[in-house]
Each structure stands twice: as C-alpha cells, then as structure tokens.
Amino acid sequence: GEGSTRIQRRMLELIGSVEGCDAIIIDDILDTGKTISRSTEVLLQHGASRVFAVATHGIFSGTAINDIANSELTTAVVTNSIPFHIPRDHPVRKKLVVLSVAPVLAHEIA
C-alpha cells in the first residue's frame, strides 16, 4: 500500500483507442494523485483530447495538490466525504470540483 516503505508502481495498460476523445478516469480515492497524473499522461500520449478524473473520496496527501495542479488533467471531481484543506489561492482550485455529500446523507437520515 501507500503506507509501505517500498514504492510500488502500477502498470498502466490502455485498452482501446482514445484518439480525439475526452477520457474520464474513475477511481474510489484520490490520495497521492500519482495514479491520476500518470494516467492523464498516458491518455494524452495516446491522443485523448482532454482528461477528467472522478473520485468518491479526496484525501490529497503528500504533494497531491501540486502534482494535480501541474498535470495536464482538465478537471478533478471529488466529494467532501473526507475533510481536506486546500488553500483558496492554490492553482489546483481551477481544476477541482468538490461535491457535497450532505444531500445524500440528509435523504438517508430523513
């Protein structure tokens, strides 16, 4: 895992063609941002027009906000299911959409 001292890189394999298409990366957790940044790079190298990422939980540990800000990712969408802090003036804010889980929780509680 990410907590181990040994760094493990996942092999990224693209199946199919993304040439001229918008690509959407769907993941459960956006933690270090490494997978999304690397996936974005691979998708763009294979001709994707734009790359979007959607993750249920945004953790943003380590250098994640800088890595995402400096990547070619168009937009990242996460929920506020886990509290995180990103400075208001950080460049990643231009790429980040945070959706509230409050309506879902309120519906289930009511």
N, C-alpha and C. Protein backbone atom coordinates (compact mmCIF):
# COMPACT_ATOMS: atom_id res chain seq x y z
N GLY A 1 0.82 -1.19 0.00
CA GLY A 1 0.00 0.00 0.00
C GLY A 1 0.86 1.24 0.00
N GLU A 2 0.19 2.41 0.04
CA GLU A 2 0.91 3.66 0.00
C GLU A 2 1.69 3.91 1.27
N GLY A 3 1.31 3.27 2.37
CA GLY A 3 1.99 3.45 3.63
C GLY A 3 3.26 2.65 3.75
N SER A 4 3.50 1.72 2.85
CA SER A 4 4.69 0.88 2.96
C SER A 4 5.93 1.66 2.53
N THR A 5 7.09 1.19 2.98
CA THR A 5 8.34 1.88 2.63
C THR A 5 8.76 1.56 1.20
N ARG A 6 8.28 0.48 0.67
CA ARG A 6 8.62 0.11 -0.70
C ARG A 6 7.62 0.77 -1.66
N ILE A 7 8.12 1.46 -2.64
CA ILE A 7 7.24 2.13 -3.61
C ILE A 7 6.91 1.15 -4.72
N GLN A 8 5.63 1.03 -4.97
CA GLN A 8 5.16 0.12 -5.99
C GLN A 8 4.49 0.93 -7.10
N ARG A 9 4.90 0.73 -8.33
CA ARG A 9 4.27 1.42 -9.46
C ARG A 9 3.34 0.45 -10.16
N ARG A 10 2.14 0.90 -10.38
CA ARG A 10 1.19 0.08 -11.11
C ARG A 10 1.46 0.19 -12.60
N MET A 11 1.28 -0.92 -13.27
CA MET A 11 1.43 -0.92 -14.71
C MET A 11 0.14 -0.37 -15.30
N LEU A 12 0.25 0.61 -16.18
CA LEU A 12 -0.92 1.18 -16.83
C LEU A 12 -1.03 0.59 -18.22
N GLU A 13 -2.18 0.01 -18.49
CA GLU A 13 -2.42 -0.58 -19.80
C GLU A 13 -3.68 0.05 -20.37
N LEU A 14 -3.55 0.64 -21.53
CA LEU A 14 -4.68 1.27 -22.20
C LEU A 14 -5.28 0.27 -23.17
N ILE A 15 -6.55 0.03 -23.02
CA ILE A 15 -7.25 -0.89 -23.91
C ILE A 15 -8.20 -0.07 -24.77
N GLY A 16 -8.04 -0.16 -26.07
CA GLY A 16 -8.88 0.60 -26.98
C GLY A 16 -8.21 1.90 -27.39
N SER A 17 -8.94 2.70 -28.15
CA SER A 17 -8.40 3.96 -28.67
C SER A 17 -9.08 5.15 -28.00
N VAL A 18 -8.28 6.14 -27.65
CA VAL A 18 -8.81 7.38 -27.08
C VAL A 18 -8.53 8.57 -28.01
N GLU A 19 -8.01 8.28 -29.17
CA GLU A 19 -7.65 9.31 -30.14
C GLU A 19 -8.82 10.27 -30.37
N GLY A 20 -8.59 11.57 -30.06
CA GLY A 20 -9.60 12.59 -30.29
C GLY A 20 -10.77 12.58 -29.32
N CYS A 21 -10.70 11.76 -28.29
CA CYS A 21 -11.82 11.63 -27.34
C CYS A 21 -11.49 12.31 -26.01
N ASP A 22 -12.55 12.66 -25.29
CA ASP A 22 -12.40 13.05 -23.90
C ASP A 22 -12.34 11.76 -23.09
N ALA A 23 -11.39 11.67 -22.17
CA ALA A 23 -11.24 10.47 -21.34
C ALA A 23 -11.64 10.82 -19.91
N ILE A 24 -12.29 9.85 -19.25
CA ILE A 24 -12.71 10.02 -17.86
C ILE A 24 -12.11 8.90 -17.04
N ILE A 25 -11.34 9.28 -16.02
CA ILE A 25 -10.75 8.32 -15.08
C ILE A 25 -11.68 8.26 -13.88
N ILE A 26 -12.10 7.06 -13.50
CA ILE A 26 -12.99 6.89 -12.35
C ILE A 26 -12.24 6.06 -11.31
N ASP A 27 -12.19 6.59 -10.09
CA ASP A 27 -11.47 5.91 -9.02
C ASP A 27 -12.22 6.12 -7.71
N ASP A 28 -11.94 5.28 -6.74
CA ASP A 28 -12.61 5.43 -5.45
C ASP A 28 -11.96 6.50 -4.59
N ILE A 29 -10.63 6.58 -4.63
CA ILE A 29 -9.91 7.51 -3.76
C ILE A 29 -8.86 8.27 -4.56
N LEU A 30 -8.83 9.57 -4.37
CA LEU A 30 -7.76 10.39 -4.92
C LEU A 30 -6.88 10.73 -3.72
N ASP A 31 -5.75 10.04 -3.58
CA ASP A 31 -4.89 10.20 -2.42
C ASP A 31 -3.64 10.99 -2.79
N THR A 32 -2.65 10.32 -3.34
CA THR A 32 -1.39 10.99 -3.68
C THR A 32 -1.46 11.71 -5.03
N GLY A 33 -2.41 11.35 -5.86
CA GLY A 33 -2.53 11.94 -7.19
C GLY A 33 -1.63 11.32 -8.23
N LYS A 34 -0.78 10.37 -7.82
CA LYS A 34 0.18 9.75 -8.75
C LYS A 34 -0.53 8.97 -9.85
N THR A 35 -1.53 8.16 -9.47
CA THR A 35 -2.23 7.35 -10.48
C THR A 35 -2.94 8.24 -11.49
N ILE A 36 -3.61 9.27 -11.00
CA ILE A 36 -4.35 10.15 -11.91
C ILE A 36 -3.39 10.94 -12.79
N SER A 37 -2.30 11.42 -12.23
CA SER A 37 -1.32 12.16 -13.04
C SER A 37 -0.69 11.27 -14.11
N ARG A 38 -0.30 10.06 -13.72
CA ARG A 38 0.31 9.13 -14.69
C ARG A 38 -0.70 8.70 -15.75
N SER A 39 -1.92 8.42 -15.32
CA SER A 39 -2.96 8.01 -16.26
C SER A 39 -3.26 9.12 -17.25
N THR A 40 -3.30 10.35 -16.76
CA THR A 40 -3.54 11.50 -17.64
C THR A 40 -2.45 11.59 -18.70
N GLU A 41 -1.22 11.43 -18.27
CA GLU A 41 -0.08 11.49 -19.19
C GLU A 41 -0.21 10.41 -20.28
N VAL A 42 -0.52 9.19 -19.88
CA VAL A 42 -0.65 8.08 -20.83
C VAL A 42 -1.81 8.34 -21.80
N LEU A 43 -2.94 8.79 -21.28
CA LEU A 43 -4.10 9.04 -22.14
C LEU A 43 -3.81 10.14 -23.16
N LEU A 44 -3.15 11.20 -22.74
CA LEU A 44 -2.81 12.28 -23.67
C LEU A 44 -1.78 11.83 -24.70
N GLN A 45 -0.82 11.01 -24.28
CA GLN A 45 0.17 10.47 -25.22
C GLN A 45 -0.50 9.61 -26.29
N HIS A 46 -1.64 9.01 -25.95
CA HIS A 46 -2.36 8.19 -26.91
C HIS A 46 -3.46 8.96 -27.63
N GLY A 47 -3.42 10.29 -27.53
CA GLY A 47 -4.30 11.11 -28.36
C GLY A 47 -5.59 11.60 -27.74
N ALA A 48 -5.80 11.39 -26.45
CA ALA A 48 -7.02 11.92 -25.83
C ALA A 48 -7.01 13.45 -25.93
N SER A 49 -8.18 14.03 -26.15
CA SER A 49 -8.28 15.49 -26.25
C SER A 49 -8.17 16.14 -24.88
N ARG A 50 -8.93 15.61 -23.94
CA ARG A 50 -8.92 16.11 -22.57
C ARG A 50 -9.08 14.93 -21.63
N VAL A 51 -8.66 15.12 -20.37
CA VAL A 51 -8.79 14.06 -19.38
C VAL A 51 -9.45 14.63 -18.13
N PHE A 52 -10.49 13.94 -17.67
CA PHE A 52 -11.21 14.29 -16.46
C PHE A 52 -11.06 13.15 -15.47
N ALA A 53 -11.08 13.46 -14.18
CA ALA A 53 -11.00 12.43 -13.15
C ALA A 53 -12.15 12.61 -12.18
N VAL A 54 -12.73 11.49 -11.77
CA VAL A 54 -13.81 11.49 -10.79
C VAL A 54 -13.44 10.48 -9.71
N ALA A 55 -13.47 10.92 -8.45
CA ALA A 55 -13.17 10.04 -7.33
C ALA A 55 -14.16 10.32 -6.20
N THR A 56 -14.58 9.28 -5.53
CA THR A 56 -15.52 9.45 -4.43
C THR A 56 -14.89 10.21 -3.28
N HIS A 57 -13.71 9.82 -2.88
CA HIS A 57 -13.06 10.41 -1.71
C HIS A 57 -11.78 11.13 -2.10
N GLY A 58 -11.68 12.40 -1.74
CA GLY A 58 -10.46 13.16 -1.96
C GLY A 58 -9.66 13.26 -0.68
N ILE A 59 -8.46 12.71 -0.67
CA ILE A 59 -7.60 12.76 0.51
C ILE A 59 -6.49 13.79 0.32
N PHE A 60 -5.87 13.80 -0.85
CA PHE A 60 -4.84 14.77 -1.22
C PHE A 60 -3.66 14.77 -0.25
N SER A 61 -3.02 13.63 -0.10
CA SER A 61 -1.85 13.54 0.79
C SER A 61 -0.57 13.87 0.04
N GLY A 62 0.46 14.18 0.82
CA GLY A 62 1.77 14.47 0.23
C GLY A 62 1.72 15.64 -0.73
N THR A 63 2.26 15.44 -1.91
CA THR A 63 2.34 16.50 -2.92
C THR A 63 1.18 16.44 -3.91
N ALA A 64 0.10 15.79 -3.54
CA ALA A 64 -1.01 15.56 -4.47
C ALA A 64 -1.55 16.83 -5.11
N ILE A 65 -1.79 17.86 -4.31
CA ILE A 65 -2.39 19.07 -4.91
C ILE A 65 -1.44 19.72 -5.91
N ASN A 66 -0.15 19.68 -5.62
CA ASN A 66 0.81 20.24 -6.58
C ASN A 66 0.93 19.37 -7.82
N ASP A 67 0.95 18.05 -7.63
CA ASP A 67 1.05 17.13 -8.77
C ASP A 67 -0.15 17.28 -9.69
N ILE A 68 -1.33 17.40 -9.11
CA ILE A 68 -2.53 17.56 -9.94
C ILE A 68 -2.54 18.93 -10.61
N ALA A 69 -2.16 19.97 -9.87
CA ALA A 69 -2.10 21.32 -10.45
C ALA A 69 -1.14 21.38 -11.63
N ASN A 70 -0.02 20.65 -11.53
CA ASN A 70 1.00 20.68 -12.57
C ASN A 70 0.75 19.68 -13.69
N SER A 71 -0.24 18.82 -13.53
CA SER A 71 -0.55 17.83 -14.56
C SER A 71 -1.40 18.46 -15.66
N GLU A 72 -1.60 17.71 -16.70
CA GLU A 72 -2.44 18.17 -17.81
C GLU A 72 -3.91 17.79 -17.62
N LEU A 73 -4.26 17.30 -16.45
CA LEU A 73 -5.64 16.95 -16.13
C LEU A 73 -6.52 18.18 -16.30
N THR A 74 -7.67 18.02 -16.95
CA THR A 74 -8.58 19.15 -17.16
C THR A 74 -9.34 19.47 -15.88
N THR A 75 -9.98 18.46 -15.30
CA THR A 75 -10.80 18.66 -14.10
C THR A 75 -10.79 17.41 -13.25
N ALA A 76 -10.75 17.60 -11.93
CA ALA A 76 -10.90 16.50 -10.98
C ALA A 76 -12.15 16.78 -10.15
N VAL A 77 -13.01 15.78 -10.03
CA VAL A 77 -14.24 15.90 -9.25
C VAL A 77 -14.17 14.93 -8.08
N VAL A 78 -14.36 15.43 -6.86
CA VAL A 78 -14.36 14.61 -5.66
C VAL A 78 -15.53 15.04 -4.78
N THR A 79 -15.83 14.24 -3.76
CA THR A 79 -16.82 14.66 -2.77
C THR A 79 -16.10 15.15 -1.52
N ASN A 80 -16.86 15.74 -0.62
CA ASN A 80 -16.31 16.19 0.65
C ASN A 80 -16.55 15.15 1.75
N SER A 81 -16.57 13.88 1.37
CA SER A 81 -16.81 12.79 2.33
C SER A 81 -15.69 12.68 3.36
N ILE A 82 -14.50 13.14 3.00
CA ILE A 82 -13.35 13.17 3.91
C ILE A 82 -12.87 14.63 3.93
N PRO A 83 -12.78 15.24 5.12
CA PRO A 83 -12.33 16.64 5.17
C PRO A 83 -10.89 16.79 4.66
N PHE A 84 -10.66 17.81 3.87
CA PHE A 84 -9.32 18.14 3.40
C PHE A 84 -9.24 19.65 3.28
N HIS A 85 -8.02 20.16 3.28
CA HIS A 85 -7.83 21.60 3.17
C HIS A 85 -6.89 21.90 2.01
N ILE A 86 -7.37 22.76 1.13
CA ILE A 86 -6.53 23.26 0.05
C ILE A 86 -6.63 24.78 0.10
N PRO A 87 -5.52 25.48 0.18
CA PRO A 87 -5.57 26.95 0.26
C PRO A 87 -6.41 27.54 -0.88
N ARG A 88 -7.16 28.57 -0.57
CA ARG A 88 -8.07 29.20 -1.56
C ARG A 88 -7.36 29.66 -2.83
N ASP A 89 -6.12 30.09 -2.69
CA ASP A 89 -5.40 30.63 -3.85
C ASP A 89 -4.53 29.60 -4.57
N HIS A 90 -4.63 28.33 -4.17
CA HIS A 90 -3.80 27.30 -4.80
C HIS A 90 -4.29 27.06 -6.24
N PRO A 91 -3.37 26.93 -7.20
CA PRO A 91 -3.74 26.73 -8.62
C PRO A 91 -4.61 25.49 -8.86
N VAL A 92 -4.55 24.47 -8.00
CA VAL A 92 -5.35 23.27 -8.22
C VAL A 92 -6.85 23.59 -8.14
N ARG A 93 -7.21 24.68 -7.47
CA ARG A 93 -8.62 25.08 -7.34
C ARG A 93 -9.27 25.27 -8.70
N LYS A 94 -8.50 25.66 -9.71
CA LYS A 94 -9.03 25.86 -11.06
C LYS A 94 -9.44 24.54 -11.71
N LYS A 95 -8.89 23.44 -11.21
CA LYS A 95 -9.17 22.12 -11.78
C LYS A 95 -10.08 21.27 -10.90
N LEU A 96 -10.39 21.75 -9.70
CA LEU A 96 -11.06 20.91 -8.71
C LEU A 96 -12.52 21.30 -8.52
N VAL A 97 -13.39 20.28 -8.57
CA VAL A 97 -14.80 20.44 -8.26
C VAL A 97 -15.10 19.54 -7.07
N VAL A 98 -15.62 20.12 -5.99
CA VAL A 98 -15.93 19.36 -4.79
C VAL A 98 -17.45 19.32 -4.62
N LEU A 99 -18.00 18.11 -4.63
CA LEU A 99 -19.44 17.93 -4.47
C LEU A 99 -19.75 17.56 -3.02
N SER A 100 -20.80 18.12 -2.49
CA SER A 100 -21.18 17.85 -1.11
C SER A 100 -21.95 16.54 -1.01
N VAL A 101 -21.66 15.76 0.04
CA VAL A 101 -22.41 14.54 0.31
C VAL A 101 -23.61 14.82 1.21
N ALA A 102 -23.77 16.06 1.68
CA ALA A 102 -24.84 16.42 2.60
C ALA A 102 -26.24 16.03 2.10
N PRO A 103 -26.60 16.31 0.84
CA PRO A 103 -27.94 15.93 0.38
C PRO A 103 -28.21 14.42 0.46
N VAL A 104 -27.19 13.62 0.15
CA VAL A 104 -27.35 12.16 0.22
C VAL A 104 -27.54 11.73 1.66
N LEU A 105 -26.72 12.25 2.56
CA LEU A 105 -26.84 11.90 3.97
C LEU A 105 -28.19 12.35 4.54
N ALA A 106 -28.59 13.57 4.19
CA ALA A 106 -29.88 14.09 4.70
C ALA A 106 -31.03 13.23 4.20
N HIS A 107 -31.00 12.81 2.98
CA HIS A 107 -32.06 11.97 2.43
C HIS A 107 -32.13 10.65 3.17
N GLU A 108 -30.98 10.05 3.42
CA GLU A 108 -30.95 8.74 4.09
C GLU A 108 -31.34 8.82 5.56
N ILE A 109 -31.05 9.96 6.20
CA ILE A 109 -31.38 10.13 7.61
C ILE A 109 -32.87 10.45 7.78
N ALA A 110 -33.43 11.22 6.85
CA ALA A 110 -34.83 11.67 6.96
C ALA A 110 -35.85 10.55 6.83
